[in-house]
Amino acid sequence: MLAQINKNLNKYLPKGMGMIEKAMRYSVMSGGKRIRPIIAIEAFKACGAFRPSALLGTSPELVEGRPSGRSSDGGGIKDIMPIACAIEFIHTYSLIHDDLPAMDNDDFRRGKPACHKVFGPANAILAGDALLTLAFNTIAKDANPKIALNIIKELSDAIGIYGMVGGQALDLESQDKAKDKNISNKINLLKTAKLLEVSAKSGALAAGAPQKEMRALQKFGLYLGLSFQLVDDYLDGEIKFRKDRVLEDAAPLIEKAKKELEIFGKRADSLKNIADRLLKRTK
């Protein structure tokens, strides 16, 4: 699945556009676990709207008639991959901007020099801006037109002032202050959990899933995102507690996330595995 996601990311990235294109490509294709697009795809699969052979490229081109609801023969890769790629573009834009000297001032990302260290802050800002607009362009061009507007609404809610941008603003405001747990939890919710939440929900929307399944996947993404950020902060050295103390907070959130998947049975095994691996991960 990772190879297929990378292939599609490369396909959507611009070509022949000079320094900004190089900065975009450098940031998107410099590794990464692709957790958010994988969650979108696995959520789509959990809702029963997927042909596994399509992901492997062994079936003919997938149905042109995209599902307005869930069909018995499932949907195909064209119904979710543009959305999955858009989510990764949004995530990468956020990393580029977070690393800037005026933000978190990080020199490295994914074990390599940050975008602004290679291309300069101005080009990094433009590369992030371009990835954000590329994300919505990808959905508008290639996503199922019956759901594209809804996906765009959900994503813009999750990454704007009431989501990721708001979380980053709150983080900046509280940098020189002692953060209480409520502030830290709100930052984690807005900066990280909202995008994981909408990743899972987007898979359900693309599958034409019923409301019950959509809500379950949305909650799964939310709990997963909160846990993800706790572990991430520990690995970054931002949490000074011992690992077992961090896991005491993160593990119950993972269990809540997995409980939301019970209605899917074995179809959600891959999502459960992602949740379990989160607690064991290292940078």
C-alpha atoms as a PDB file:
ATOM      1  CA  MET A   1       0.000   0.000   0.000  1.00  0.00           C
ATOM      2  CA  LEU A   2       2.833   2.417   0.839  1.00  0.00           C
ATOM      3  CA  ALA A   3       4.337   2.039  -2.637  1.00  0.00           C
ATOM      4  CA  GLN A   4       0.957   2.720  -4.255  1.00  0.00           C
ATOM      5  CA  ILE A   5       0.437   5.837  -2.150  1.00  0.00           C
ATOM      6  CA  ASN A   6       3.912   7.126  -3.012  1.00  0.00           C
ATOM      7  CA  LYS A   7       3.313   6.458  -6.700  1.00  0.00           C
ATOM      8  CA  ASN A   8       0.130   8.525  -6.626  1.00  0.00           C
ATOM      9  CA  LEU A   9       1.699  11.325  -4.591  1.00  0.00           C
ATOM     10  CA  ASN A  10       4.439  11.555  -7.200  1.00  0.00           C
ATOM     11  CA  LYS A  11       1.816  11.609  -9.960  1.00  0.00           C
ATOM     12  CA  TYR A  12      -0.031  14.548  -8.427  1.00  0.00           C
ATOM     13  CA  LEU A  13       3.046  16.644  -7.651  1.00  0.00           C
ATOM     14  CA  PRO A  14       3.770  19.348 -10.265  1.00  0.00           C
ATOM     15  CA  LYS A  15       6.619  19.024 -12.734  1.00  0.00           C
ATOM     16  CA  GLY A  16       8.830  21.644 -14.358  1.00  0.00           C
ATOM     17  CA  MET A  17       7.925  24.437 -11.944  1.00  0.00           C
ATOM     18  CA  GLY A  18      11.385  25.302 -10.660  1.00  0.00           C
ATOM     19  CA  MET A  19      12.459  25.782  -7.066  1.00  0.00           C
ATOM     20  CA  ILE A  20       8.999  25.611  -5.493  1.00  0.00           C
ATOM     21  CA  GLU A  21       8.272  22.284  -7.162  1.00  0.00           C
ATOM     22  CA  LYS A  22      11.622  20.946  -5.917  1.00  0.00           C
ATOM     23  CA  ALA A  23      10.799  22.079  -2.391  1.00  0.00           C
ATOM     24  CA  MET A  24       7.356  20.453  -2.577  1.00  0.00           C
ATOM     25  CA  ARG A  25       8.752  17.195  -3.919  1.00  0.00           C
ATOM     26  CA  TYR A  26      11.617  17.173  -1.411  1.00  0.00           C
ATOM     27  CA  SER A  27       9.206  17.511   1.503  1.00  0.00           C
ATOM     28  CA  VAL A  28       6.548  15.070   0.303  1.00  0.00           C
ATOM     29  CA  MET A  29       8.898  12.338  -0.898  1.00  0.00           C
ATOM     30  CA  SER A  30      11.425  12.465   1.976  1.00  0.00           C
ATOM     31  CA  GLY A  31      10.033   9.406   3.710  1.00  0.00           C
ATOM     32  CA  GLY A  32       7.240   9.327   6.239  1.00  0.00           C
ATOM     33  CA  LYS A  33       4.955   6.539   7.393  1.00  0.00           C
ATOM     34  CA  ARG A  34       1.915   7.868   5.463  1.00  0.00           C
ATOM     35  CA  ILE A  35      -0.242   7.110   8.504  1.00  0.00           C
ATOM     36  CA  ARG A  36      -3.023   9.515   7.564  1.00  0.00           C
ATOM     37  CA  PRO A  37      -3.584   8.334   3.973  1.00  0.00           C
ATOM     38  CA  ILE A  38      -3.297   4.718   5.122  1.00  0.00           C
ATOM     39  CA  ILE A  39      -5.995   5.345   7.727  1.00  0.00           C
ATOM     40  CA  ALA A  40      -8.242   6.889   5.058  1.00  0.00           C
ATOM     41  CA  ILE A  41      -7.764   3.846   2.811  1.00  0.00           C
ATOM     42  CA  GLU A  42      -8.198   1.329   5.628  1.00  0.00           C
ATOM     43  CA  ALA A  43     -11.342   3.115   6.825  1.00  0.00           C
ATOM     44  CA  PHE A  44     -12.653   2.894   3.259  1.00  0.00           C
ATOM     45  CA  LYS A  45     -11.898  -0.839   3.265  1.00  0.00           C
ATOM     46  CA  ALA A  46     -13.497  -1.343   6.679  1.00  0.00           C
ATOM     47  CA  CYS A  47     -16.736   0.048   5.261  1.00  0.00           C
ATOM     48  CA  GLY A  48     -16.703  -2.701   2.643  1.00  0.00           C
ATOM     49  CA  ALA A  49     -16.202  -0.432  -0.365  1.00  0.00           C
ATOM     50  CA  PHE A  50     -12.907  -1.688  -1.744  1.00  0.00           C
ATOM     51  CA  ARG A  51     -11.475  -4.264  -4.108  1.00  0.00           C
ATOM     52  CA  PRO A  52      -8.104  -5.424  -2.755  1.00  0.00           C
ATOM     53  CA  SER A  53      -6.865  -6.401  -6.215  1.00  0.00           C
ATOM     54  CA  ALA A  54      -7.325  -2.812  -7.360  1.00  0.00           C
ATOM     55  CA  LEU A  55      -4.764  -1.542  -4.882  1.00  0.00           C
ATOM     56  CA  LEU A  56      -2.263  -4.050  -6.222  1.00  0.00           C
ATOM     57  CA  GLY A  57      -2.957  -2.966  -9.773  1.00  0.00           C
ATOM     58  CA  THR A  58      -4.158  -6.413 -10.869  1.00  0.00           C
ATOM     59  CA  SER A  59      -7.684  -5.498 -11.860  1.00  0.00           C
ATOM     60  CA  PRO A  60      -9.006  -3.407 -14.752  1.00  0.00           C
ATOM     61  CA  GLU A  61      -9.647   0.266 -14.220  1.00  0.00           C
ATOM     62  CA  LEU A  62     -12.250   0.681 -11.539  1.00  0.00           C
ATOM     63  CA  VAL A  63     -15.869   1.461 -11.894  1.00  0.00           C
ATOM     64  CA  GLU A  64     -16.652   4.766 -13.537  1.00  0.00           C
ATOM     65  CA  GLY A  65     -19.992   4.947 -11.757  1.00  0.00           C
ATOM     66  CA  ARG A  66     -18.826   6.028  -8.341  1.00  0.00           C
ATOM     67  CA  PRO A  67     -20.934   4.955  -5.384  1.00  0.00           C
ATOM     68  CA  SER A  68     -23.537   7.334  -4.056  1.00  0.00           C
ATOM     69  CA  GLY A  69     -23.943   4.770  -1.298  1.00  0.00           C
ATOM     70  CA  ARG A  70     -22.279   1.487  -0.529  1.00  0.00           C
ATOM     71  CA  SER A  71     -22.607  -1.024  -3.349  1.00  0.00           C
ATOM     72  CA  SER A  72     -22.395  -4.796  -3.140  1.00  0.00           C
ATOM     73  CA  ASP A  73     -19.329  -5.040  -5.368  1.00  0.00           C
ATOM     74  CA  GLY A  74     -17.441  -2.310  -3.537  1.00  0.00           C
ATOM     75  CA  GLY A  75     -15.731   0.787  -4.775  1.00  0.00           C
ATOM     76  CA  GLY A  76     -12.205   1.107  -6.032  1.00  0.00           C
ATOM     77  CA  ILE A  77      -8.930   2.868  -5.612  1.00  0.00           C
ATOM     78  CA  LYS A  78     -10.101   5.898  -7.604  1.00  0.00           C
ATOM     79  CA  ASP A  79     -12.730   6.568  -4.956  1.00  0.00           C
ATOM     80  CA  ILE A  80     -10.242   7.030  -2.117  1.00  0.00           C
ATOM     81  CA  MET A  81      -6.699   7.568  -3.442  1.00  0.00           C
ATOM     82  CA  PRO A  82      -7.115  11.256  -4.460  1.00  0.00           C
ATOM     83  CA  ILE A  83      -8.481  11.983  -0.990  1.00  0.00           C
ATOM     84  CA  ALA A  84      -5.690  10.017   0.685  1.00  0.00           C
ATOM     85  CA  CYS A  85      -3.062  11.927  -1.313  1.00  0.00           C
ATOM     86  CA  ALA A  86      -4.714  15.254  -0.520  1.00  0.00           C
ATOM     87  CA  ILE A  87      -4.553  14.451   3.188  1.00  0.00           C
ATOM     88  CA  GLU A  88      -0.830  13.697   2.918  1.00  0.00           C
ATOM     89  CA  PHE A  89      -0.250  16.967   1.046  1.00  0.00           C
ATOM     90  CA  ILE A  90      -2.021  18.823   3.854  1.00  0.00           C
ATOM     91  CA  HIS A  91       0.019  17.008   6.487  1.00  0.00           C
ATOM     92  CA  THR A  92       3.271  17.834   4.678  1.00  0.00           C
ATOM     93  CA  TYR A  93       2.305  21.498   4.302  1.00  0.00           C
ATOM     94  CA  SER A  94       1.760  21.636   8.066  1.00  0.00           C
ATOM     95  CA  LEU A  95       5.179  20.095   8.746  1.00  0.00           C
ATOM     96  CA  ILE A  96       6.945  22.565   6.437  1.00  0.00           C
ATOM     97  CA  HIS A  97       5.315  25.530   8.139  1.00  0.00           C
ATOM     98  CA  ASP A  98       5.750  24.117  11.664  1.00  0.00           C
ATOM     99  CA  ASP A  99       9.508  23.777  11.086  1.00  0.00           C
ATOM    100  CA  LEU A 100       9.949  27.426  10.056  1.00  0.00           C
ATOM    101  CA  PRO A 101      12.107  29.708  12.239  1.00  0.00           C
ATOM    102  CA  ALA A 102       9.034  31.798  13.097  1.00  0.00           C
ATOM    103  CA  MET A 103       7.154  28.701  14.276  1.00  0.00           C
ATOM    104  CA  ASP A 104       8.839  25.709  15.963  1.00  0.00           C
ATOM    105  CA  ASN A 105      12.260  26.478  14.449  1.00  0.00           C
ATOM    106  CA  ASP A 106      13.249  22.868  13.725  1.00  0.00           C
ATOM    107  CA  ASP A 107      16.246  22.173  11.498  1.00  0.00           C
ATOM    108  CA  PHE A 108      15.452  18.534  10.737  1.00  0.00           C
ATOM    109  CA  ARG A 109      12.404  16.596   9.589  1.00  0.00           C
ATOM    110  CA  ARG A 110      12.244  12.839   9.038  1.00  0.00           C
ATOM    111  CA  GLY A 111      15.989  12.593   9.599  1.00  0.00           C
ATOM    112  CA  LYS A 112      16.810  15.125   6.870  1.00  0.00           C
ATOM    113  CA  PRO A 113      17.305  18.900   6.812  1.00  0.00           C
ATOM    114  CA  ALA A 114      13.968  20.692   7.021  1.00  0.00           C
ATOM    115  CA  CYS A 115      12.600  22.312   3.877  1.00  0.00           C
ATOM    116  CA  HIS A 116      13.546  25.821   5.011  1.00  0.00           C
ATOM    117  CA  LYS A 117      17.145  24.722   5.655  1.00  0.00           C
ATOM    118  CA  VAL A 118      17.490  23.438   2.084  1.00  0.00           C
ATOM    119  CA  PHE A 119      15.424  25.952   0.108  1.00  0.00           C
ATOM    120  CA  GLY A 120      15.220  28.953   2.445  1.00  0.00           C
ATOM    121  CA  PRO A 121      12.258  30.183   4.538  1.00  0.00           C
ATOM    122  CA  ALA A 122      10.550  32.061   1.687  1.00  0.00           C
ATOM    123  CA  ASN A 123      10.530  29.057  -0.635  1.00  0.00           C
ATOM    124  CA  ALA A 124       9.431  26.824   2.240  1.00  0.00           C
ATOM    125  CA  ILE A 125       6.430  29.073   2.916  1.00  0.00           C
ATOM    126  CA  LEU A 126       5.467  28.994  -0.759  1.00  0.00           C
ATOM    127  CA  ALA A 127       5.963  25.215  -0.966  1.00  0.00           C
ATOM    128  CA  GLY A 128       3.621  24.750   1.996  1.00  0.00           C
ATOM    129  CA  ASP A 129       1.060  27.105   0.470  1.00  0.00           C
ATOM    130  CA  ALA A 130       1.285  25.247  -2.840  1.00  0.00           C
ATOM    131  CA  LEU A 131       0.788  21.849  -1.175  1.00  0.00           C
ATOM    132  CA  LEU A 132      -2.296  23.089   0.646  1.00  0.00           C
ATOM    133  CA  THR A 133      -3.875  24.333  -2.573  1.00  0.00           C
ATOM    134  CA  LEU A 134      -2.747  21.194  -4.422  1.00  0.00           C
ATOM    135  CA  ALA A 135      -4.630  19.120  -1.858  1.00  0.00           C
ATOM    136  CA  PHE A 136      -7.960  20.781  -2.605  1.00  0.00           C
ATOM    137  CA  ASN A 137      -7.256  20.818  -6.337  1.00  0.00           C
ATOM    138  CA  THR A 138      -6.630  17.056  -6.233  1.00  0.00           C
ATOM    139  CA  ILE A 139      -9.984  16.439  -4.561  1.00  0.00           C
ATOM    140  CA  ALA A 140     -11.831  18.813  -6.894  1.00  0.00           C
ATOM    141  CA  LYS A 141     -10.334  17.165  -9.995  1.00  0.00           C
ATOM    142  CA  ASP A 142     -10.282  13.473  -9.145  1.00  0.00           C
ATOM    143  CA  ALA A 143     -12.497  12.654  -6.165  1.00  0.00           C
ATOM    144  CA  ASN A 144     -16.042  11.398  -6.602  1.00  0.00           C
ATOM    145  CA  PRO A 145     -18.001  14.585  -7.461  1.00  0.00           C
ATOM    146  CA  LYS A 146     -20.899  13.392  -5.299  1.00  0.00           C
ATOM    147  CA  ILE A 147     -18.755  13.633  -2.171  1.00  0.00           C
ATOM    148  CA  ALA A 148     -15.969  16.078  -3.137  1.00  0.00           C
ATOM    149  CA  LEU A 149     -17.669  19.157  -1.663  1.00  0.00           C
ATOM    150  CA  ASN A 150     -18.382  17.353   1.608  1.00  0.00           C
ATOM    151  CA  ILE A 151     -14.788  16.101   1.829  1.00  0.00           C
ATOM    152  CA  ILE A 152     -13.480  19.634   1.208  1.00  0.00           C
ATOM    153  CA  LYS A 153     -15.762  20.987   3.944  1.00  0.00           C
ATOM    154  CA  GLU A 154     -14.643  18.343   6.442  1.00  0.00           C
ATOM    155  CA  LEU A 155     -10.966  18.889   5.658  1.00  0.00           C
ATOM    156  CA  SER A 156     -11.178  22.678   5.810  1.00  0.00           C
ATOM    157  CA  ASP A 157     -12.928  22.433   9.191  1.00  0.00           C
ATOM    158  CA  ALA A 158     -10.204  20.111  10.496  1.00  0.00           C
ATOM    159  CA  ILE A 159      -7.215  22.160   9.370  1.00  0.00           C
ATOM    160  CA  GLY A 160      -8.435  25.739   9.778  1.00  0.00           C
ATOM    161  CA  ILE A 161      -8.882  28.035  12.750  1.00  0.00           C
ATOM    162  CA  TYR A 162     -11.072  25.465  14.537  1.00  0.00           C
ATOM    163  CA  GLY A 163      -8.522  22.721  13.902  1.00  0.00           C
ATOM    164  CA  MET A 164      -4.848  22.487  13.004  1.00  0.00           C
ATOM    165  CA  VAL A 165      -4.177  26.219  12.511  1.00  0.00           C
ATOM    166  CA  GLY A 166      -5.981  27.038  15.739  1.00  0.00           C
ATOM    167  CA  GLY A 167      -3.933  24.414  17.557  1.00  0.00           C
ATOM    168  CA  GLN A 168      -0.665  25.827  16.250  1.00  0.00           C
ATOM    169  CA  ALA A 169      -1.756  29.336  17.269  1.00  0.00           C
ATOM    170  CA  LEU A 170      -2.591  28.107  20.777  1.00  0.00           C
ATOM    171  CA  ASP A 171       0.760  26.322  20.943  1.00  0.00           C
ATOM    172  CA  LEU A 172       2.603  29.520  19.999  1.00  0.00           C
ATOM    173  CA  GLU A 173       0.607  31.580  22.499  1.00  0.00           C
ATOM    174  CA  SER A 174       1.455  29.220  25.346  1.00  0.00           C
ATOM    175  CA  GLN A 175       5.135  28.603  24.544  1.00  0.00           C
ATOM    176  CA  ASP A 176       6.476  30.872  27.275  1.00  0.00           C
ATOM    177  CA  LYS A 177       3.878  29.814  29.818  1.00  0.00           C
ATOM    178  CA  ALA A 178       3.526  26.735  31.976  1.00  0.00           C
ATOM    179  CA  LYS A 179       0.988  24.608  30.113  1.00  0.00           C
ATOM    180  CA  ASP A 180      -1.631  22.919  32.222  1.00  0.00           C
ATOM    181  CA  LYS A 181      -2.985  19.584  31.086  1.00  0.00           C
ATOM    182  CA  ASN A 182      -6.181  21.097  29.664  1.00  0.00           C
ATOM    183  CA  ILE A 183      -4.228  23.423  27.364  1.00  0.00           C
ATOM    184  CA  SER A 184      -1.928  20.597  26.267  1.00  0.00           C
ATOM    185  CA  ASN A 185      -4.912  18.358  25.547  1.00  0.00           C
ATOM    186  CA  LYS A 186      -6.599  21.077  23.495  1.00  0.00           C
ATOM    187  CA  ILE A 187      -3.416  21.649  21.471  1.00  0.00           C
ATOM    188  CA  ASN A 188      -3.132  17.901  20.828  1.00  0.00           C
ATOM    189  CA  LEU A 189      -6.781  17.752  19.801  1.00  0.00           C
ATOM    190  CA  LEU A 190      -6.543  20.622  17.336  1.00  0.00           C
ATOM    191  CA  LYS A 191      -3.023  20.164  15.947  1.00  0.00           C
ATOM    192  CA  THR A 192      -2.983  16.383  15.554  1.00  0.00           C
ATOM    193  CA  ALA A 193      -6.195  14.562  16.400  1.00  0.00           C
ATOM    194  CA  LYS A 194      -8.441  16.598  14.083  1.00  0.00           C
ATOM    195  CA  LEU A 195      -6.518  15.558  10.955  1.00  0.00           C
ATOM    196  CA  LEU A 196      -6.458  11.886  11.961  1.00  0.00           C
ATOM    197  CA  GLU A 197     -10.161  12.115  12.769  1.00  0.00           C
ATOM    198  CA  VAL A 198     -10.993  13.533   9.336  1.00  0.00           C
ATOM    199  CA  SER A 199      -8.700  10.985   7.651  1.00  0.00           C
ATOM    200  CA  ALA A 200     -10.820   8.152   9.023  1.00  0.00           C
ATOM    201  CA  LYS A 201     -14.083   9.988   8.366  1.00  0.00           C
ATOM    202  CA  SER A 202     -13.054  10.704   4.767  1.00  0.00           C
ATOM    203  CA  GLY A 203     -12.654   6.988   4.135  1.00  0.00           C
ATOM    204  CA  ALA A 204     -16.186   6.426   5.393  1.00  0.00           C
ATOM    205  CA  LEU A 205     -17.555   9.284   3.287  1.00  0.00           C
ATOM    206  CA  ALA A 206     -15.859   7.943   0.163  1.00  0.00           C
ATOM    207  CA  ALA A 207     -17.343   4.513   0.862  1.00  0.00           C
ATOM    208  CA  GLY A 208     -20.879   5.835   1.270  1.00  0.00           C
ATOM    209  CA  ALA A 209     -20.946   4.375   4.778  1.00  0.00           C
ATOM    210  CA  PRO A 210     -23.988   4.716   7.049  1.00  0.00           C
ATOM    211  CA  GLN A 211     -23.872   7.262   9.864  1.00  0.00           C
ATOM    212  CA  LYS A 212     -23.193   4.647  12.545  1.00  0.00           C
ATOM    213  CA  GLU A 213     -20.019   3.470  10.813  1.00  0.00           C
ATOM    214  CA  MET A 214     -18.962   7.025   9.994  1.00  0.00           C
ATOM    215  CA  ARG A 215     -19.281   8.112  13.626  1.00  0.00           C
ATOM    216  CA  ALA A 216     -17.344   5.063  14.811  1.00  0.00           C
ATOM    217  CA  LEU A 217     -14.469   5.778  12.430  1.00  0.00           C
ATOM    218  CA  GLN A 218     -14.504   9.448  13.347  1.00  0.00           C
ATOM    219  CA  LYS A 219     -14.141   8.595  17.047  1.00  0.00           C
ATOM    220  CA  PHE A 220     -11.457   6.037  16.220  1.00  0.00           C
ATOM    221  CA  GLY A 221      -9.429   8.733  14.462  1.00  0.00           C
ATOM    222  CA  LEU A 222      -9.951  11.178  17.313  1.00  0.00           C
ATOM    223  CA  TYR A 223      -8.767   8.810  20.052  1.00  0.00           C
ATOM    224  CA  LEU A 224      -5.910   7.595  17.887  1.00  0.00           C
ATOM    225  CA  GLY A 225      -4.809  11.168  17.236  1.00  0.00           C
ATOM    226  CA  LEU A 226      -4.788  12.110  20.916  1.00  0.00           C
ATOM    227  CA  SER A 227      -2.727   9.037  21.751  1.00  0.00           C
ATOM    228  CA  PHE A 228      -0.435   9.608  18.769  1.00  0.00           C
ATOM    229  CA  GLN A 229       0.497  13.092  19.969  1.00  0.00           C
ATOM    230  CA  LEU A 230       1.237  11.931  23.514  1.00  0.00           C
ATOM    231  CA  VAL A 231       3.690   9.347  22.187  1.00  0.00           C
ATOM    232  CA  ASP A 232       5.098  11.858  19.693  1.00  0.00           C
ATOM    233  CA  ASP A 233       5.756  14.446  22.402  1.00  0.00           C
ATOM    234  CA  TYR A 234       7.517  11.819  24.508  1.00  0.00           C
ATOM    235  CA  LEU A 235       9.718  10.767  21.584  1.00  0.00           C
ATOM    236  CA  ASP A 236      10.514  14.430  20.854  1.00  0.00           C
ATOM    237  CA  GLY A 237      11.537  14.971  24.468  1.00  0.00           C
ATOM    238  CA  GLU A 238       8.707  17.439  25.073  1.00  0.00           C
ATOM    239  CA  ILE A 239       7.244  15.242  27.825  1.00  0.00           C
ATOM    240  CA  LYS A 240       9.687  14.624  30.656  1.00  0.00           C
ATOM    241  CA  PHE A 241       7.837  11.694  32.214  1.00  0.00           C
ATOM    242  CA  ARG A 242       9.092   8.128  31.997  1.00  0.00           C
ATOM    243  CA  LYS A 243       7.777   6.056  29.108  1.00  0.00           C
ATOM    244  CA  ASP A 244       5.538   3.957  31.350  1.00  0.00           C
ATOM    245  CA  ARG A 245       3.845   7.141  32.601  1.00  0.00           C
ATOM    246  CA  VAL A 246       3.209   8.268  29.017  1.00  0.00           C
ATOM    247  CA  LEU A 247       1.791   4.858  28.132  1.00  0.00           C
ATOM    248  CA  GLU A 248      -0.551   5.075  31.116  1.00  0.00           C
ATOM    249  CA  ASP A 249      -2.203   8.044  29.398  1.00  0.00           C
ATOM    250  CA  ALA A 250      -1.906   6.792  25.815  1.00  0.00           C
ATOM    251  CA  ALA A 251      -2.954   3.150  26.229  1.00  0.00           C
ATOM    252  CA  PRO A 252      -6.558   3.838  27.387  1.00  0.00           C
ATOM    253  CA  LEU A 253      -7.052   6.107  24.369  1.00  0.00           C
ATOM    254  CA  ILE A 254      -5.891   3.306  22.076  1.00  0.00           C
ATOM    255  CA  GLU A 255      -8.343   0.918  23.732  1.00  0.00           C
ATOM    256  CA  LYS A 256     -11.158   3.433  23.212  1.00  0.00           C
ATOM    257  CA  ALA A 257     -10.141   3.773  19.572  1.00  0.00           C
ATOM    258  CA  LYS A 258     -10.173   0.000  19.043  1.00  0.00           C
ATOM    259  CA  LYS A 259     -13.526  -0.367  20.790  1.00  0.00           C
ATOM    260  CA  GLU A 260     -15.087   1.943  18.200  1.00  0.00           C
ATOM    261  CA  LEU A 261     -14.043  -0.570  15.518  1.00  0.00           C
ATOM    262  CA  GLU A 262     -15.961  -3.511  16.970  1.00  0.00           C
ATOM    263  CA  ILE A 263     -18.917  -2.953  14.645  1.00  0.00           C
ATOM    264  CA  PHE A 264     -16.676  -3.691  11.645  1.00  0.00           C
ATOM    265  CA  GLY A 265     -15.476  -7.102  12.814  1.00  0.00           C
ATOM    266  CA  LYS A 266     -12.432  -8.418  10.955  1.00  0.00           C
ATOM    267  CA  ARG A 267     -12.727  -5.699   8.308  1.00  0.00           C
ATOM    268  CA  ALA A 268     -11.081  -3.313  10.776  1.00  0.00           C
ATOM    269  CA  ASP A 269      -8.159  -5.577  11.731  1.00  0.00           C
ATOM    270  CA  SER A 270      -5.678  -3.384   9.855  1.00  0.00           C
ATOM    271  CA  LEU A 271      -6.873  -0.280  11.689  1.00  0.00           C
ATOM    272  CA  LYS A 272      -6.533  -2.101  15.019  1.00  0.00           C
ATOM    273  CA  ASN A 273      -2.995  -3.103  14.089  1.00  0.00           C
ATOM    274  CA  ILE A 274      -2.148   0.523  13.306  1.00  0.00           C
ATOM    275  CA  ALA A 275      -3.430   1.530  16.740  1.00  0.00           C
ATOM    276  CA  ASP A 276      -1.408  -1.186  18.494  1.00  0.00           C
ATOM    277  CA  ARG A 277       1.776  -0.288  16.627  1.00  0.00           C
ATOM    278  CA  LEU A 278       1.425   3.340  17.618  1.00  0.00           C
ATOM    279  CA  LEU A 279       2.276   2.535  21.234  1.00  0.00           C
ATOM    280  CA  LYS A 280       5.398   0.623  20.205  1.00  0.00           C
ATOM    281  CA  ARG A 281       6.779   3.099  17.721  1.00  0.00           C
ATOM    282  CA  THR A 282      10.037   4.983  17.828  1.00  0.00           C
ATOM    283  CA  LYS A 283      11.152   7.942  15.744  1.00  0.00           C
END
